[in-house]
Amino acid sequence: MRLVLLHGLTQTGSMWAPMVAHLRPRAATEVITPDLPGHGVHGDVVADLDEAARLMGSIGGRAVYVGYSLGGRVLLHLALARPDLVERLVLVGATAGIDDDAERAARRTADERLADRIEAIGVQAFLAEWLAQPIFATLPPDRAAVVDRTTNTAAGLASSLRHAGTGTQTPRWHELGRLTMPTLVVAGALDEKFTALGRRMAAAMPDATFATVAGAGHSVPLEQPAALAAVVDAWLDQPPSARPTANAAP
């Protein structure tokens, strides 16, 4: 089994280290944590969600794919375009897009302003503002991976927002029924917005399980890495027909 894990905005593949450390060892398991376009070693790669999906698919090949936030949105595009590569799918704190045209346009404008802000004040100052948002209120400072995030460049993060931000995503809700691979949708129990989105996504997929991780907000892999690893391990161990809705202990 090969596991490919995709990180969120402002992070790198290194953010998965705490969770990977808690995954149960499996025979012939390979774990790959690539950097998304605009991040880490791919900081100079300019890509929209479709292009990012193609790049990640070329790196990961056929595998079990796990994506958090931005990484989850990239994986939705990969799973829809290349279902032959996605053996199983895990989406953490992800969305299939903003339905309302006006709301989506407003988000795109906000993403553009954020991109301008990064370029104006630099990565370190921007991260202080980024992590102060209410969505990260439950993320302890010592688990925020700030040092790792500062390895990114202002140009790379700005490019990611402009080309692959939530405002750029064409809603894919009506296509979720095509995703027939076993899917696990996860949200932090304290993250009301993405819990609702996660339930909606799971309900639209033929073979999907929804799970919440207790004690976690939006940044599940960083806030509760052991609990998330336990949810993923338990789900991977279950045959498709026996995967019940799960809730992780804190």
Protein backbone atom coordinates (compact mmCIF):
# COMPACT_ATOMS: atom_id res chain seq x y z
CA MET A 1 0.00 0.00 0.00
CA ARG A 2 1.19 3.51 -0.81
CA LEU A 3 -0.12 6.52 1.14
CA VAL A 4 0.15 9.98 -0.42
CA LEU A 5 -0.63 12.86 1.95
CA LEU A 6 -1.26 16.42 0.74
CA HIS A 7 -0.98 19.41 3.08
CA GLY A 8 -2.90 22.66 3.40
CA LEU A 9 -2.22 26.26 2.41
CA THR A 10 0.99 27.82 3.90
CA GLN A 11 2.27 24.38 4.94
CA THR A 12 4.60 21.80 3.37
CA GLY A 13 4.61 18.02 3.27
CA SER A 14 6.51 18.04 6.57
CA MET A 15 3.30 18.97 8.40
CA TRP A 16 2.23 15.32 8.27
CA ALA A 17 5.15 14.08 10.40
CA PRO A 18 3.21 14.05 13.73
CA MET A 19 0.36 12.02 12.23
CA VAL A 20 2.63 9.66 10.26
CA ALA A 21 4.48 8.87 13.49
CA HIS A 22 1.21 7.52 14.92
CA LEU A 23 0.11 5.44 11.93
CA ARG A 24 0.17 1.70 12.51
CA PRO A 25 3.09 0.04 10.69
CA ARG A 26 1.93 -1.99 7.72
CA ALA A 27 3.80 -4.39 5.48
CA ALA A 28 4.75 -2.82 2.15
CA THR A 29 3.44 0.62 3.11
CA GLU A 30 5.16 3.61 1.51
CA VAL A 31 4.31 7.12 2.73
CA ILE A 32 4.81 10.09 0.39
CA THR A 33 4.24 13.69 1.53
CA PRO A 34 4.86 15.91 -1.52
CA ASP A 35 4.80 19.70 -1.48
CA LEU A 36 1.92 21.28 -3.36
CA PRO A 37 2.51 23.91 -6.08
CA GLY A 38 3.54 27.21 -4.52
CA HIS A 39 4.92 25.43 -1.45
CA GLY A 40 8.24 23.93 -0.38
CA VAL A 41 10.31 22.50 -3.19
CA HIS A 42 7.47 23.32 -5.59
CA GLY A 43 7.39 26.96 -4.52
CA ASP A 44 8.07 28.18 -8.06
CA VAL A 45 5.41 25.95 -9.66
CA VAL A 46 2.33 27.88 -10.80
CA ALA A 47 -0.74 25.65 -10.99
CA ASP A 48 -4.50 25.73 -10.65
CA LEU A 49 -6.37 22.89 -8.98
CA ASP A 50 -6.49 20.74 -12.13
CA GLU A 51 -2.79 21.22 -12.83
CA ALA A 52 -1.91 20.58 -9.17
CA ALA A 53 -3.95 17.36 -9.31
CA ARG A 54 -2.06 16.19 -12.39
CA LEU A 55 1.28 16.90 -10.72
CA MET A 56 0.35 15.09 -7.51
CA GLY A 57 -0.99 12.13 -9.48
CA SER A 58 2.24 11.88 -11.44
CA ILE A 59 4.20 11.87 -8.18
CA GLY A 60 1.95 9.49 -6.26
CA GLY A 61 0.76 7.07 -8.92
CA ARG A 62 -1.90 4.61 -7.80
CA ALA A 63 -2.27 5.02 -4.06
CA VAL A 64 -4.44 5.81 -1.09
CA TYR A 65 -4.60 9.62 -1.11
CA VAL A 66 -5.13 11.76 2.00
CA GLY A 67 -5.65 15.52 1.68
CA TYR A 68 -6.16 18.27 4.23
CA SER A 69 -7.94 21.54 3.30
CA LEU A 70 -6.23 22.76 0.09
CA GLY A 71 -4.78 19.26 -0.31
CA GLY A 72 -8.27 17.80 -0.07
CA ARG A 73 -9.57 20.11 -2.77
CA VAL A 74 -6.67 19.10 -5.03
CA LEU A 75 -7.53 15.45 -4.40
CA LEU A 76 -11.17 15.94 -5.35
CA HIS A 77 -9.95 17.13 -8.73
CA LEU A 78 -7.55 14.18 -9.01
CA ALA A 79 -10.20 11.64 -8.05
CA LEU A 80 -12.66 13.04 -10.60
CA ALA A 81 -10.09 13.28 -13.40
CA ARG A 82 -8.07 10.12 -12.69
CA PRO A 83 -10.11 7.71 -10.56
CA ASP A 84 -7.79 4.93 -11.74
CA LEU A 85 -5.02 6.44 -9.59
CA VAL A 86 -7.07 6.80 -6.40
CA GLU A 87 -7.41 3.46 -4.67
CA ARG A 88 -9.01 5.06 -1.63
CA LEU A 89 -9.61 8.70 -0.70
CA VAL A 90 -9.42 10.56 2.62
CA LEU A 91 -10.56 14.19 2.75
CA VAL A 92 -9.87 16.20 5.92
CA GLY A 93 -11.40 19.66 6.38
CA ALA A 94 -12.16 19.92 2.67
CA THR A 95 -14.96 21.28 0.50
CA ALA A 96 -16.32 20.63 -2.97
CA GLY A 97 -16.57 24.37 -3.61
CA ILE A 98 -18.73 27.41 -2.95
CA ASP A 99 -22.15 27.00 -4.57
CA ASP A 100 -23.29 30.61 -4.64
CA ASP A 101 -21.84 32.61 -7.54
CA ALA A 102 -21.70 35.90 -5.62
CA GLU A 103 -20.15 34.30 -2.56
CA ARG A 104 -17.58 32.52 -4.71
CA ALA A 105 -16.68 35.77 -6.49
CA ALA A 106 -16.31 37.52 -3.14
CA ARG A 107 -14.02 34.76 -1.91
CA ARG A 108 -11.89 35.04 -5.02
CA THR A 109 -11.53 38.79 -4.43
CA ALA A 110 -10.58 38.08 -0.81
CA ASP A 111 -7.99 35.52 -1.94
CA GLU A 112 -6.51 38.08 -4.33
CA ARG A 113 -6.22 40.59 -1.50
CA LEU A 114 -4.55 37.98 0.69
CA ALA A 115 -2.08 37.26 -2.09
CA ASP A 116 -1.30 40.98 -2.33
CA ARG A 117 -0.92 41.09 1.46
CA ILE A 118 1.63 38.26 1.50
CA GLU A 119 3.72 40.02 -1.13
CA ALA A 120 3.49 43.33 0.72
CA ILE A 121 4.47 42.21 4.24
CA GLY A 122 6.35 38.92 3.74
CA VAL A 123 5.74 35.38 4.90
CA GLN A 124 6.55 35.72 8.60
CA ALA A 125 4.29 38.72 9.20
CA PHE A 126 1.55 37.20 7.06
CA LEU A 127 1.62 33.94 9.02
CA ALA A 128 1.06 35.84 12.26
CA GLU A 129 -2.11 37.30 10.74
CA TRP A 130 -3.13 34.04 9.05
CA LEU A 131 -2.91 31.93 12.19
CA ALA A 132 -4.78 34.57 14.22
CA GLN A 133 -7.97 33.85 12.25
CA PRO A 134 -10.90 32.34 14.19
CA ILE A 135 -10.69 29.12 12.13
CA PHE A 136 -7.33 28.40 13.81
CA ALA A 137 -8.44 29.36 17.34
CA THR A 138 -8.16 25.75 18.54
CA LEU A 139 -4.65 25.25 17.10
CA PRO A 140 -2.06 25.50 19.91
CA PRO A 141 0.89 27.73 18.94
CA ASP A 142 3.37 24.94 19.67
CA ARG A 143 1.61 22.70 17.14
CA ALA A 144 1.18 25.29 14.37
CA ALA A 145 4.41 24.30 12.54
CA VAL A 146 5.31 27.97 12.13
CA VAL A 147 8.99 27.31 11.44
CA ASP A 148 8.10 24.91 8.64
CA ARG A 149 5.59 27.37 7.15
CA THR A 150 8.23 30.11 7.02
CA THR A 151 10.27 28.03 4.57
CA ASN A 152 7.68 28.99 1.94
CA THR A 153 8.08 32.12 -0.18
CA ALA A 154 5.72 35.05 -0.51
CA ALA A 155 5.62 34.58 -4.29
CA GLY A 156 4.76 30.90 -3.97
CA LEU A 157 1.97 31.35 -1.43
CA ALA A 158 0.52 34.27 -3.37
CA SER A 159 0.52 32.17 -6.52
CA SER A 160 -1.26 29.32 -4.73
CA LEU A 161 -4.00 31.66 -3.51
CA ARG A 162 -4.48 33.26 -6.92
CA HIS A 163 -4.60 30.02 -8.88
CA ALA A 164 -5.91 27.40 -6.42
CA GLY A 165 -7.72 29.35 -3.70
CA THR A 166 -11.24 28.34 -2.71
CA GLY A 167 -12.61 31.22 -4.78
CA THR A 168 -11.12 29.73 -7.95
CA GLN A 169 -12.72 26.32 -7.44
CA THR A 170 -15.61 25.45 -9.72
CA PRO A 171 -18.20 23.75 -7.47
CA ARG A 172 -17.96 19.98 -7.88
CA TRP A 173 -20.88 18.94 -5.67
CA HIS A 174 -22.93 17.59 -8.58
CA GLU A 175 -20.04 15.31 -9.58
CA LEU A 176 -19.43 13.64 -6.22
CA GLY A 177 -21.67 10.73 -7.16
CA ARG A 178 -19.01 9.67 -9.69
CA LEU A 179 -16.49 9.01 -6.91
CA THR A 180 -17.04 5.31 -6.38
CA MET A 181 -13.78 4.60 -4.58
CA PRO A 182 -14.01 4.05 -0.80
CA THR A 183 -13.83 7.51 0.78
CA LEU A 184 -13.36 8.77 4.32
CA VAL A 185 -14.44 12.35 5.01
CA VAL A 186 -13.09 13.84 8.24
CA ALA A 187 -13.66 17.07 10.14
CA GLY A 188 -12.70 18.34 13.55
CA ALA A 189 -15.64 18.09 15.93
CA LEU A 190 -15.09 21.73 16.94
CA ASP A 191 -15.16 22.90 13.32
CA GLU A 192 -18.88 23.42 12.69
CA LYS A 193 -18.50 24.75 9.14
CA PHE A 194 -16.42 21.84 7.83
CA THR A 195 -18.39 19.29 9.82
CA ALA A 196 -21.48 20.39 7.87
CA LEU A 197 -19.56 20.41 4.59
CA GLY A 198 -18.06 17.01 5.35
CA ARG A 199 -21.42 15.44 6.09
CA ARG A 200 -22.77 16.87 2.85
CA MET A 201 -19.86 15.49 0.82
CA ALA A 202 -20.06 12.04 2.38
CA ALA A 203 -23.82 11.87 1.77
CA ALA A 204 -23.26 12.56 -1.94
CA MET A 205 -20.70 9.77 -2.46
CA PRO A 206 -21.64 6.12 -3.09
CA ASP A 207 -19.09 4.59 -0.68
CA ALA A 208 -18.24 7.25 1.87
CA THR A 209 -17.84 7.33 5.63
CA PHE A 210 -17.95 10.53 7.66
CA ALA A 211 -15.90 10.85 10.86
CA THR A 212 -15.26 13.59 13.38
CA VAL A 213 -12.15 13.94 15.51
CA ALA A 214 -12.95 15.04 19.04
CA GLY A 215 -10.98 17.92 20.50
CA ALA A 216 -9.99 19.28 17.09
CA GLY A 217 -10.97 22.33 15.10
CA HIS A 218 -10.04 22.87 11.47
CA SER A 219 -6.35 21.87 11.69
CA VAL A 220 -7.03 18.23 12.55
CA PRO A 221 -3.64 16.79 11.47
CA LEU A 222 -1.76 19.24 13.70
CA GLU A 223 -4.21 19.50 16.60
CA GLN A 224 -4.97 15.79 17.07
CA PRO A 225 -2.47 13.79 14.97
CA ALA A 226 -2.76 10.60 17.04
CA ALA A 227 -6.55 10.63 16.94
CA LEU A 228 -6.60 11.28 13.19
CA ALA A 229 -4.12 8.45 12.63
CA ALA A 230 -6.36 6.14 14.65
CA VAL A 231 -9.42 7.05 12.55
CA VAL A 232 -7.54 6.51 9.29
CA ASP A 233 -6.00 3.23 10.51
CA ALA A 234 -9.36 1.87 11.63
CA TRP A 235 -10.98 2.82 8.33
CA LEU A 236 -8.21 1.28 6.25
CA ASP A 237 -8.59 -1.95 8.22
CA GLN A 238 -12.31 -2.22 7.44
CA PRO A 239 -13.68 -3.81 4.27
CA PRO A 240 -15.74 -1.27 2.26
CA SER A 241 -19.10 -2.70 3.24
CA ALA A 242 -18.23 -2.56 6.95
CA ARG A 243 -17.02 1.04 7.24
CA PRO A 244 -19.37 2.71 9.73
CA THR A 245 -19.50 6.39 10.60
CA ALA A 246 -16.78 6.92 13.19
CA ASN A 247 -15.93 9.40 15.89
CA ALA A 248 -12.43 9.59 17.34
CA ALA A 249 -11.74 10.01 21.00
CA PRO A 250 -9.78 13.09 22.06
